[in-house]
Amino acid sequence: MKKIYMDNGNIVAGITLKDKPLAESNNMALHVCQNSNNVLENRKELADFLQVSIQDFVCANQTHSANFHRVTQLDKGRGALNNSDAIPDTDALYTYEAGIVLCSFTADCVPVIFYNDKTGLIGVVHSGWQGTVKEITFKLFQHLQQAEQCNLADIHVQIGAALSQEKFEVDEDVYRKFKDLGYADDYMFFKESTGKYHIDNQLTVKKQCELAGIPAHQITIDRTCTFQDPAGFSYRQDKQCGRHLSFIKRHQ
């Protein structure tokens, strides 16, 4: 089970969903599985849908960092069949090369998928609250602009399903980190009855995209809450949960 965010004939992007009849409810992550064969079976189904080999997948060992990696053909298959050769300590991947499936794993964190039709650039970002306060998305787009001479006005962004503001309750320490960003105030409120702050991580990431230089009308958000929706994996709801896989691939 998956949701396709875009398919223009050349670029296809989407997110896999929780699906109880499938192995481990369609868990896509090897680092949180009961049996790796179940995950590989689920990944194989996605590969068949994308008309690629599972060896065309590229996965990272995500650590809530602000690190990113430019993927090449030499990276094909990294993290696809086991975690030992996944790209280490990295939470964002991008490439200009066709035939590669870039993968990002989430369960409440914000997945960011982006592409540039003019240059063939595609990418994925894993932005949990730690990645957001480290500004991984903003820093990646700054890098693309400065080091890759990328025109950010040509980039389209899809922000995927994540934990909603209603369910993202935090204490003052996390609130302060978002407050210190200087632009997240509009995406937070305090709930007197619980003494908790509520943060909209998706809108904070959207703001980071805009501050980097991406036009607001080229940013789309899937407001599905991974906690409330039965098709969502939620770490906050169930620490033993599986993971969604956000993916993007360019055919040629």
C-alpha atoms as a PDB file:
ATOM      1  CA  MET A   1       0.000   0.000   0.000  1.00  0.00           C
ATOM      2  CA  LYS A   2       1.400   3.357  -1.007  1.00  0.00           C
ATOM      3  CA  LYS A   3       0.444   6.932  -1.771  1.00  0.00           C
ATOM      4  CA  ILE A   4       1.790   8.436  -4.976  1.00  0.00           C
ATOM      5  CA  TYR A   5       2.528  12.128  -4.622  1.00  0.00           C
ATOM      6  CA  MET A   6       3.541  12.662  -8.218  1.00  0.00           C
ATOM      7  CA  ASP A   7       4.088  10.730 -11.426  1.00  0.00           C
ATOM      8  CA  ASN A   8       4.714  12.873 -14.490  1.00  0.00           C
ATOM      9  CA  GLY A   9       5.965  10.060 -16.678  1.00  0.00           C
ATOM     10  CA  ASN A  10       9.597  10.696 -15.819  1.00  0.00           C
ATOM     11  CA  ILE A  11       9.665  11.274 -12.063  1.00  0.00           C
ATOM     12  CA  VAL A  12       7.660   9.181  -9.616  1.00  0.00           C
ATOM     13  CA  ALA A  13       7.511   9.937  -5.891  1.00  0.00           C
ATOM     14  CA  GLY A  14       5.442   8.784  -2.959  1.00  0.00           C
ATOM     15  CA  ILE A  15       5.302   7.158   0.448  1.00  0.00           C
ATOM     16  CA  THR A  16       4.535   3.613   1.543  1.00  0.00           C
ATOM     17  CA  LEU A  17       1.764   3.189   4.099  1.00  0.00           C
ATOM     18  CA  LYS A  18       0.972   0.892   6.991  1.00  0.00           C
ATOM     19  CA  ASP A  19      -1.068  -2.049   5.718  1.00  0.00           C
ATOM     20  CA  LYS A  20      -1.993  -4.680   8.323  1.00  0.00           C
ATOM     21  CA  PRO A  21      -2.483  -7.659   5.956  1.00  0.00           C
ATOM     22  CA  LEU A  22       1.099  -7.317   4.714  1.00  0.00           C
ATOM     23  CA  ALA A  23       4.240  -8.613   6.433  1.00  0.00           C
ATOM     24  CA  GLU A  24       4.868  -6.512   9.564  1.00  0.00           C
ATOM     25  CA  SER A  25       2.102  -4.204   8.305  1.00  0.00           C
ATOM     26  CA  ASN A  26       4.311  -3.140   5.366  1.00  0.00           C
ATOM     27  CA  ASN A  27       7.240  -2.047   7.537  1.00  0.00           C
ATOM     28  CA  MET A  28      10.052  -0.851   5.259  1.00  0.00           C
ATOM     29  CA  ALA A  29      12.917  -0.439   7.734  1.00  0.00           C
ATOM     30  CA  LEU A  30      15.548  -3.062   8.479  1.00  0.00           C
ATOM     31  CA  HIS A  31      16.654  -1.386  11.711  1.00  0.00           C
ATOM     32  CA  VAL A  32      13.245  -1.893  13.377  1.00  0.00           C
ATOM     33  CA  CYS A  33      11.983  -5.201  12.052  1.00  0.00           C
ATOM     34  CA  GLN A  34      11.065  -8.571  13.533  1.00  0.00           C
ATOM     35  CA  ASN A  35      12.456 -10.388  10.505  1.00  0.00           C
ATOM     36  CA  SER A  36      14.550  -8.808   7.766  1.00  0.00           C
ATOM     37  CA  ASN A  37      12.991 -11.084   5.150  1.00  0.00           C
ATOM     38  CA  ASN A  38       9.635  -9.414   5.800  1.00  0.00           C
ATOM     39  CA  VAL A  39      11.089  -5.988   5.069  1.00  0.00           C
ATOM     40  CA  LEU A  40      12.878  -7.235   1.959  1.00  0.00           C
ATOM     41  CA  GLU A  41       9.593  -8.722   0.757  1.00  0.00           C
ATOM     42  CA  ASN A  42       7.889  -5.364   1.218  1.00  0.00           C
ATOM     43  CA  ARG A  43      10.724  -3.516  -0.508  1.00  0.00           C
ATOM     44  CA  LYS A  44      10.598  -6.001  -3.380  1.00  0.00           C
ATOM     45  CA  GLU A  45       6.908  -5.191  -3.896  1.00  0.00           C
ATOM     46  CA  LEU A  46       7.767  -1.480  -4.107  1.00  0.00           C
ATOM     47  CA  ALA A  47      10.640  -2.217  -6.495  1.00  0.00           C
ATOM     48  CA  ASP A  48       8.279  -4.187  -8.742  1.00  0.00           C
ATOM     49  CA  PHE A  49       5.832  -1.276  -8.725  1.00  0.00           C
ATOM     50  CA  LEU A  50       8.632   1.115  -9.700  1.00  0.00           C
ATOM     51  CA  GLN A  51       9.864  -1.369 -12.321  1.00  0.00           C
ATOM     52  CA  VAL A  52      13.351  -1.490 -10.838  1.00  0.00           C
ATOM     53  CA  SER A  53      15.510  -3.904  -8.911  1.00  0.00           C
ATOM     54  CA  ILE A  54      15.742  -3.619  -5.143  1.00  0.00           C
ATOM     55  CA  GLN A  55      19.460  -3.092  -5.832  1.00  0.00           C
ATOM     56  CA  ASP A  56      18.520   0.302  -7.333  1.00  0.00           C
ATOM     57  CA  PHE A  57      17.457   1.515  -3.871  1.00  0.00           C
ATOM     58  CA  VAL A  58      19.809   3.770  -1.894  1.00  0.00           C
ATOM     59  CA  CYS A  59      19.273   4.071   1.874  1.00  0.00           C
ATOM     60  CA  ALA A  60      21.053   5.908   4.648  1.00  0.00           C
ATOM     61  CA  ASN A  61      21.650   5.145   8.298  1.00  0.00           C
ATOM     62  CA  GLN A  62      19.594   8.049   9.623  1.00  0.00           C
ATOM     63  CA  THR A  63      20.797   9.643  12.852  1.00  0.00           C
ATOM     64  CA  HIS A  64      18.760  12.890  13.129  1.00  0.00           C
ATOM     65  CA  SER A  65      21.787  14.717  11.753  1.00  0.00           C
ATOM     66  CA  ALA A  66      22.042  17.648   9.356  1.00  0.00           C
ATOM     67  CA  ASN A  67      24.271  15.607   7.025  1.00  0.00           C
ATOM     68  CA  PHE A  68      23.541  15.003   3.353  1.00  0.00           C
ATOM     69  CA  HIS A  69      25.081  12.939   0.567  1.00  0.00           C
ATOM     70  CA  ARG A  70      25.180  13.251  -3.216  1.00  0.00           C
ATOM     71  CA  VAL A  71      24.289   9.813  -4.556  1.00  0.00           C
ATOM     72  CA  THR A  72      25.935   8.358  -7.674  1.00  0.00           C
ATOM     73  CA  GLN A  73      25.594   5.086  -9.554  1.00  0.00           C
ATOM     74  CA  LEU A  74      28.347   3.693  -7.305  1.00  0.00           C
ATOM     75  CA  ASP A  75      25.948   3.985  -4.342  1.00  0.00           C
ATOM     76  CA  LYS A  76      23.256   1.816  -5.910  1.00  0.00           C
ATOM     77  CA  GLY A  77      22.149  -0.904  -3.538  1.00  0.00           C
ATOM     78  CA  ARG A  78      23.590   0.676  -0.394  1.00  0.00           C
ATOM     79  CA  GLY A  79      21.315  -0.176   2.517  1.00  0.00           C
ATOM     80  CA  ALA A  80      18.916  -1.977   0.176  1.00  0.00           C
ATOM     81  CA  LEU A  81      19.446  -5.522   1.451  1.00  0.00           C
ATOM     82  CA  ASN A  82      21.087  -4.845   4.827  1.00  0.00           C
ATOM     83  CA  ASN A  83      22.049  -1.912   7.009  1.00  0.00           C
ATOM     84  CA  SER A  84      25.776  -2.623   7.066  1.00  0.00           C
ATOM     85  CA  ASP A  85      26.473  -0.832   3.788  1.00  0.00           C
ATOM     86  CA  ALA A  86      23.898   1.977   4.142  1.00  0.00           C
ATOM     87  CA  ILE A  87      25.285   5.490   3.791  1.00  0.00           C
ATOM     88  CA  PRO A  88      26.383   6.299   7.368  1.00  0.00           C
ATOM     89  CA  ASP A  89      25.214   9.160   9.589  1.00  0.00           C
ATOM     90  CA  THR A  90      23.133  10.840   6.878  1.00  0.00           C
ATOM     91  CA  ASP A  91      19.573  12.187   6.789  1.00  0.00           C
ATOM     92  CA  ALA A  92      19.287  13.615   3.271  1.00  0.00           C
ATOM     93  CA  LEU A  93      20.117  12.182  -0.148  1.00  0.00           C
ATOM     94  CA  TYR A  94      20.108  13.786  -3.572  1.00  0.00           C
ATOM     95  CA  THR A  95      21.177  12.809  -7.062  1.00  0.00           C
ATOM     96  CA  TYR A  96      21.184  13.973 -10.652  1.00  0.00           C
ATOM     97  CA  GLU A  97      21.311  10.418 -11.981  1.00  0.00           C
ATOM     98  CA  ALA A  98      18.422   8.380 -13.386  1.00  0.00           C
ATOM     99  CA  GLY A  99      17.392   4.893 -12.329  1.00  0.00           C
ATOM    100  CA  ILE A 100      18.154   5.394  -8.628  1.00  0.00           C
ATOM    101  CA  VAL A 101      15.455   5.119  -5.958  1.00  0.00           C
ATOM    102  CA  LEU A 102      16.274   7.486  -3.092  1.00  0.00           C
ATOM    103  CA  CYS A 103      14.774   6.308   0.218  1.00  0.00           C
ATOM    104  CA  SER A 104      13.926   7.993   3.503  1.00  0.00           C
ATOM    105  CA  PHE A 105      12.358   6.285   6.529  1.00  0.00           C
ATOM    106  CA  THR A 106       9.918   7.935   8.938  1.00  0.00           C
ATOM    107  CA  ALA A 107       7.358   7.247  11.668  1.00  0.00           C
ATOM    108  CA  ASP A 108       6.125  10.738  12.744  1.00  0.00           C
ATOM    109  CA  CYS A 109       9.172  12.626  11.440  1.00  0.00           C
ATOM    110  CA  VAL A 110       8.743  14.884   8.425  1.00  0.00           C
ATOM    111  CA  PRO A 111       9.743  13.404   5.068  1.00  0.00           C
ATOM    112  CA  VAL A 112      10.716  15.930   2.388  1.00  0.00           C
ATOM    113  CA  ILE A 113      10.778  14.897  -1.272  1.00  0.00           C
ATOM    114  CA  PHE A 114      11.969  17.328  -3.937  1.00  0.00           C
ATOM    115  CA  TYR A 115      12.799  17.544  -7.610  1.00  0.00           C
ATOM    116  CA  ASN A 116      13.879  19.936 -10.358  1.00  0.00           C
ATOM    117  CA  ASP A 117      12.439  19.057 -13.764  1.00  0.00           C
ATOM    118  CA  LYS A 118      14.951  21.246 -15.579  1.00  0.00           C
ATOM    119  CA  THR A 119      18.134  19.655 -14.223  1.00  0.00           C
ATOM    120  CA  GLY A 120      16.939  16.174 -13.224  1.00  0.00           C
ATOM    121  CA  LEU A 121      17.786  16.775  -9.559  1.00  0.00           C
ATOM    122  CA  ILE A 122      15.816  14.650  -7.090  1.00  0.00           C
ATOM    123  CA  GLY A 123      16.167  14.222  -3.340  1.00  0.00           C
ATOM    124  CA  VAL A 124      14.750  13.112   0.000  1.00  0.00           C
ATOM    125  CA  VAL A 125      15.167  14.487   3.522  1.00  0.00           C
ATOM    126  CA  HIS A 126      14.371  12.978   6.936  1.00  0.00           C
ATOM    127  CA  SER A 127      13.510  15.849   9.287  1.00  0.00           C
ATOM    128  CA  GLY A 128      12.429  14.817  12.757  1.00  0.00           C
ATOM    129  CA  TRP A 129      12.261  17.609  15.303  1.00  0.00           C
ATOM    130  CA  GLN A 130      16.010  17.298  15.860  1.00  0.00           C
ATOM    131  CA  GLY A 131      16.693  17.596  12.145  1.00  0.00           C
ATOM    132  CA  THR A 132      14.361  20.572  11.941  1.00  0.00           C
ATOM    133  CA  VAL A 133      16.088  22.482  14.743  1.00  0.00           C
ATOM    134  CA  LYS A 134      19.414  21.644  13.051  1.00  0.00           C
ATOM    135  CA  GLU A 135      17.845  23.059   9.851  1.00  0.00           C
ATOM    136  CA  ILE A 136      18.788  20.097   7.686  1.00  0.00           C
ATOM    137  CA  THR A 137      16.363  21.040   4.889  1.00  0.00           C
ATOM    138  CA  PHE A 138      17.453  24.680   4.814  1.00  0.00           C
ATOM    139  CA  LYS A 139      21.147  23.704   4.875  1.00  0.00           C
ATOM    140  CA  LEU A 140      20.717  21.167   2.095  1.00  0.00           C
ATOM    141  CA  PHE A 141      19.046  23.709  -0.181  1.00  0.00           C
ATOM    142  CA  GLN A 142      21.750  26.254   0.645  1.00  0.00           C
ATOM    143  CA  HIS A 143      24.340  23.657  -0.357  1.00  0.00           C
ATOM    144  CA  LEU A 144      22.530  22.891  -3.603  1.00  0.00           C
ATOM    145  CA  GLN A 145      22.435  26.582  -4.438  1.00  0.00           C
ATOM    146  CA  GLN A 146      26.046  27.327  -3.543  1.00  0.00           C
ATOM    147  CA  ALA A 147      27.915  24.122  -4.411  1.00  0.00           C
ATOM    148  CA  GLU A 148      25.708  22.755  -7.185  1.00  0.00           C
ATOM    149  CA  GLN A 149      24.637  26.095  -8.706  1.00  0.00           C
ATOM    150  CA  CYS A 150      21.020  24.983  -8.348  1.00  0.00           C
ATOM    151  CA  ASN A 151      18.285  27.522  -9.032  1.00  0.00           C
ATOM    152  CA  LEU A 152      15.990  26.971  -6.047  1.00  0.00           C
ATOM    153  CA  ALA A 153      13.136  28.733  -7.846  1.00  0.00           C
ATOM    154  CA  ASP A 154      12.917  25.638 -10.072  1.00  0.00           C
ATOM    155  CA  ILE A 155      12.555  23.151  -7.205  1.00  0.00           C
ATOM    156  CA  HIS A 156       9.242  21.549  -6.265  1.00  0.00           C
ATOM    157  CA  VAL A 157       8.812  20.143  -2.762  1.00  0.00           C
ATOM    158  CA  GLN A 158       6.448  17.545  -1.347  1.00  0.00           C
ATOM    159  CA  ILE A 159       6.272  17.377   2.440  1.00  0.00           C
ATOM    160  CA  GLY A 160       4.944  13.956   3.372  1.00  0.00           C
ATOM    161  CA  ALA A 161       2.693  12.555   6.079  1.00  0.00           C
ATOM    162  CA  ALA A 162       3.959  13.207   9.619  1.00  0.00           C
ATOM    163  CA  LEU A 163       2.883  13.753  13.217  1.00  0.00           C
ATOM    164  CA  SER A 164       0.287  16.527  13.423  1.00  0.00           C
ATOM    165  CA  GLN A 165       0.589  19.586  15.643  1.00  0.00           C
ATOM    166  CA  GLU A 166      -2.259  18.278  17.783  1.00  0.00           C
ATOM    167  CA  LYS A 167      -0.293  15.123  18.592  1.00  0.00           C
ATOM    168  CA  PHE A 168       3.202  16.645  18.707  1.00  0.00           C
ATOM    169  CA  GLU A 169       3.363  17.598  22.389  1.00  0.00           C
ATOM    170  CA  VAL A 170       6.678  18.753  23.828  1.00  0.00           C
ATOM    171  CA  ASP A 171       8.128  20.231  26.985  1.00  0.00           C
ATOM    172  CA  GLU A 172       9.804  23.602  27.258  1.00  0.00           C
ATOM    173  CA  ASP A 173      13.266  22.332  26.301  1.00  0.00           C
ATOM    174  CA  VAL A 174      12.142  21.348  22.784  1.00  0.00           C
ATOM    175  CA  TYR A 175       9.919  24.425  22.508  1.00  0.00           C
ATOM    176  CA  ARG A 176      12.974  26.606  23.229  1.00  0.00           C
ATOM    177  CA  LYS A 177      14.940  24.977  20.423  1.00  0.00           C
ATOM    178  CA  PHE A 178      12.180  25.817  17.943  1.00  0.00           C
ATOM    179  CA  LYS A 179      11.773  29.292  19.457  1.00  0.00           C
ATOM    180  CA  ASP A 180      15.483  29.930  18.936  1.00  0.00           C
ATOM    181  CA  LEU A 181      15.075  29.366  15.195  1.00  0.00           C
ATOM    182  CA  GLY A 182      13.438  32.785  15.088  1.00  0.00           C
ATOM    183  CA  TYR A 183      10.716  31.887  12.588  1.00  0.00           C
ATOM    184  CA  ALA A 184       8.682  29.078  14.168  1.00  0.00           C
ATOM    185  CA  ASP A 185       6.517  31.094  16.564  1.00  0.00           C
ATOM    186  CA  ASP A 186       3.461  30.911  14.307  1.00  0.00           C
ATOM    187  CA  TYR A 187       3.659  27.117  14.323  1.00  0.00           C
ATOM    188  CA  MET A 188       3.541  26.613  18.091  1.00  0.00           C
ATOM    189  CA  PHE A 189       1.005  27.007  20.883  1.00  0.00           C
ATOM    190  CA  PHE A 190       0.849  26.247  24.621  1.00  0.00           C
ATOM    191  CA  LYS A 191      -1.946  24.093  26.032  1.00  0.00           C
ATOM    192  CA  GLU A 192      -2.768  25.172  29.584  1.00  0.00           C
ATOM    193  CA  SER A 193      -4.633  21.983  30.515  1.00  0.00           C
ATOM    194  CA  THR A 194      -1.614  19.745  29.907  1.00  0.00           C
ATOM    195  CA  GLY A 195       1.251  22.197  30.346  1.00  0.00           C
ATOM    196  CA  LYS A 196       2.602  21.106  26.973  1.00  0.00           C
ATOM    197  CA  TYR A 197       3.651  22.957  23.847  1.00  0.00           C
ATOM    198  CA  HIS A 198       2.358  21.818  20.465  1.00  0.00           C
ATOM    199  CA  ILE A 199       4.559  22.254  17.406  1.00  0.00           C
ATOM    200  CA  ASP A 200       3.740  21.973  13.716  1.00  0.00           C
ATOM    201  CA  ASN A 201       6.916  20.422  12.381  1.00  0.00           C
ATOM    202  CA  GLN A 202       5.602  20.262   8.809  1.00  0.00           C
ATOM    203  CA  LEU A 203       4.919  24.011   8.615  1.00  0.00           C
ATOM    204  CA  THR A 204       8.292  24.759  10.219  1.00  0.00           C
ATOM    205  CA  VAL A 205       9.997  22.700   7.499  1.00  0.00           C
ATOM    206  CA  LYS A 206       7.877  24.435   4.841  1.00  0.00           C
ATOM    207  CA  LYS A 207       9.094  27.782   6.213  1.00  0.00           C
ATOM    208  CA  GLN A 208      12.695  26.546   5.950  1.00  0.00           C
ATOM    209  CA  CYS A 209      12.100  25.711   2.284  1.00  0.00           C
ATOM    210  CA  GLU A 210      10.718  29.204   1.678  1.00  0.00           C
ATOM    211  CA  LEU A 211      13.578  30.891   3.548  1.00  0.00           C
ATOM    212  CA  ALA A 212      16.026  28.949   1.377  1.00  0.00           C
ATOM    213  CA  GLY A 213      14.380  30.370  -1.735  1.00  0.00           C
ATOM    214  CA  ILE A 214      11.772  27.859  -2.878  1.00  0.00           C
ATOM    215  CA  PRO A 215       8.501  29.510  -3.991  1.00  0.00           C
ATOM    216  CA  ALA A 216       5.650  28.788  -1.566  1.00  0.00           C
ATOM    217  CA  HIS A 217       3.316  27.718  -4.375  1.00  0.00           C
ATOM    218  CA  GLN A 218       5.761  24.947  -5.295  1.00  0.00           C
ATOM    219  CA  ILE A 219       5.543  23.355  -1.840  1.00  0.00           C
ATOM    220  CA  THR A 220       2.794  20.801  -1.144  1.00  0.00           C
ATOM    221  CA  ILE A 221       2.009  19.252   2.242  1.00  0.00           C
ATOM    222  CA  ASP A 222       0.312  15.949   2.984  1.00  0.00           C
ATOM    223  CA  ARG A 223      -1.490  16.741   6.246  1.00  0.00           C
ATOM    224  CA  THR A 224      -2.147  13.082   7.085  1.00  0.00           C
ATOM    225  CA  CYS A 225      -1.278  12.557  10.763  1.00  0.00           C
ATOM    226  CA  THR A 226       0.789   9.414  11.260  1.00  0.00           C
ATOM    227  CA  PHE A 227      -0.570   9.068  14.813  1.00  0.00           C
ATOM    228  CA  GLN A 228      -4.261   9.462  14.011  1.00  0.00           C
ATOM    229  CA  ASP A 229      -4.478   7.789  10.612  1.00  0.00           C
ATOM    230  CA  PRO A 230      -4.686   3.971  10.639  1.00  0.00           C
ATOM    231  CA  ALA A 231      -2.330   3.905   7.641  1.00  0.00           C
ATOM    232  CA  GLY A 232       0.351   5.691   9.660  1.00  0.00           C
ATOM    233  CA  PHE A 233       3.315   4.301  11.588  1.00  0.00           C
ATOM    234  CA  SER A 234       3.723   6.377  14.748  1.00  0.00           C
ATOM    235  CA  TYR A 235       6.732   6.058  17.030  1.00  0.00           C
ATOM    236  CA  ARG A 236       4.985   8.308  19.547  1.00  0.00           C
ATOM    237  CA  GLN A 237       2.000   5.994  19.651  1.00  0.00           C
ATOM    238  CA  ASP A 238       3.939   2.723  19.506  1.00  0.00           C
ATOM    239  CA  LYS A 239       7.682   2.605  20.143  1.00  0.00           C
ATOM    240  CA  GLN A 240       7.813  -0.803  18.390  1.00  0.00           C
ATOM    241  CA  CYS A 241       6.308   0.485  15.135  1.00  0.00           C
ATOM    242  CA  GLY A 242       7.604   0.033  11.608  1.00  0.00           C
ATOM    243  CA  ARG A 243       8.567   2.792   9.193  1.00  0.00           C
ATOM    244  CA  HIS A 244       7.196   4.420   6.073  1.00  0.00           C
ATOM    245  CA  LEU A 245       9.506   4.700   3.092  1.00  0.00           C
ATOM    246  CA  SER A 246       9.383   7.969   1.167  1.00  0.00           C
ATOM    247  CA  PHE A 247      10.808   7.463  -2.311  1.00  0.00           C
ATOM    248  CA  ILE A 248      11.619   9.303  -5.502  1.00  0.00           C
ATOM    249  CA  LYS A 249      13.009   8.025  -8.785  1.00  0.00           C
ATOM    250  CA  ARG A 250      13.721   9.582 -12.175  1.00  0.00           C
ATOM    251  CA  HIS A 251      13.301   7.217 -15.103  1.00  0.00           C
ATOM    252  CA  GLN A 252      15.671   8.942 -17.541  1.00  0.00           C
END
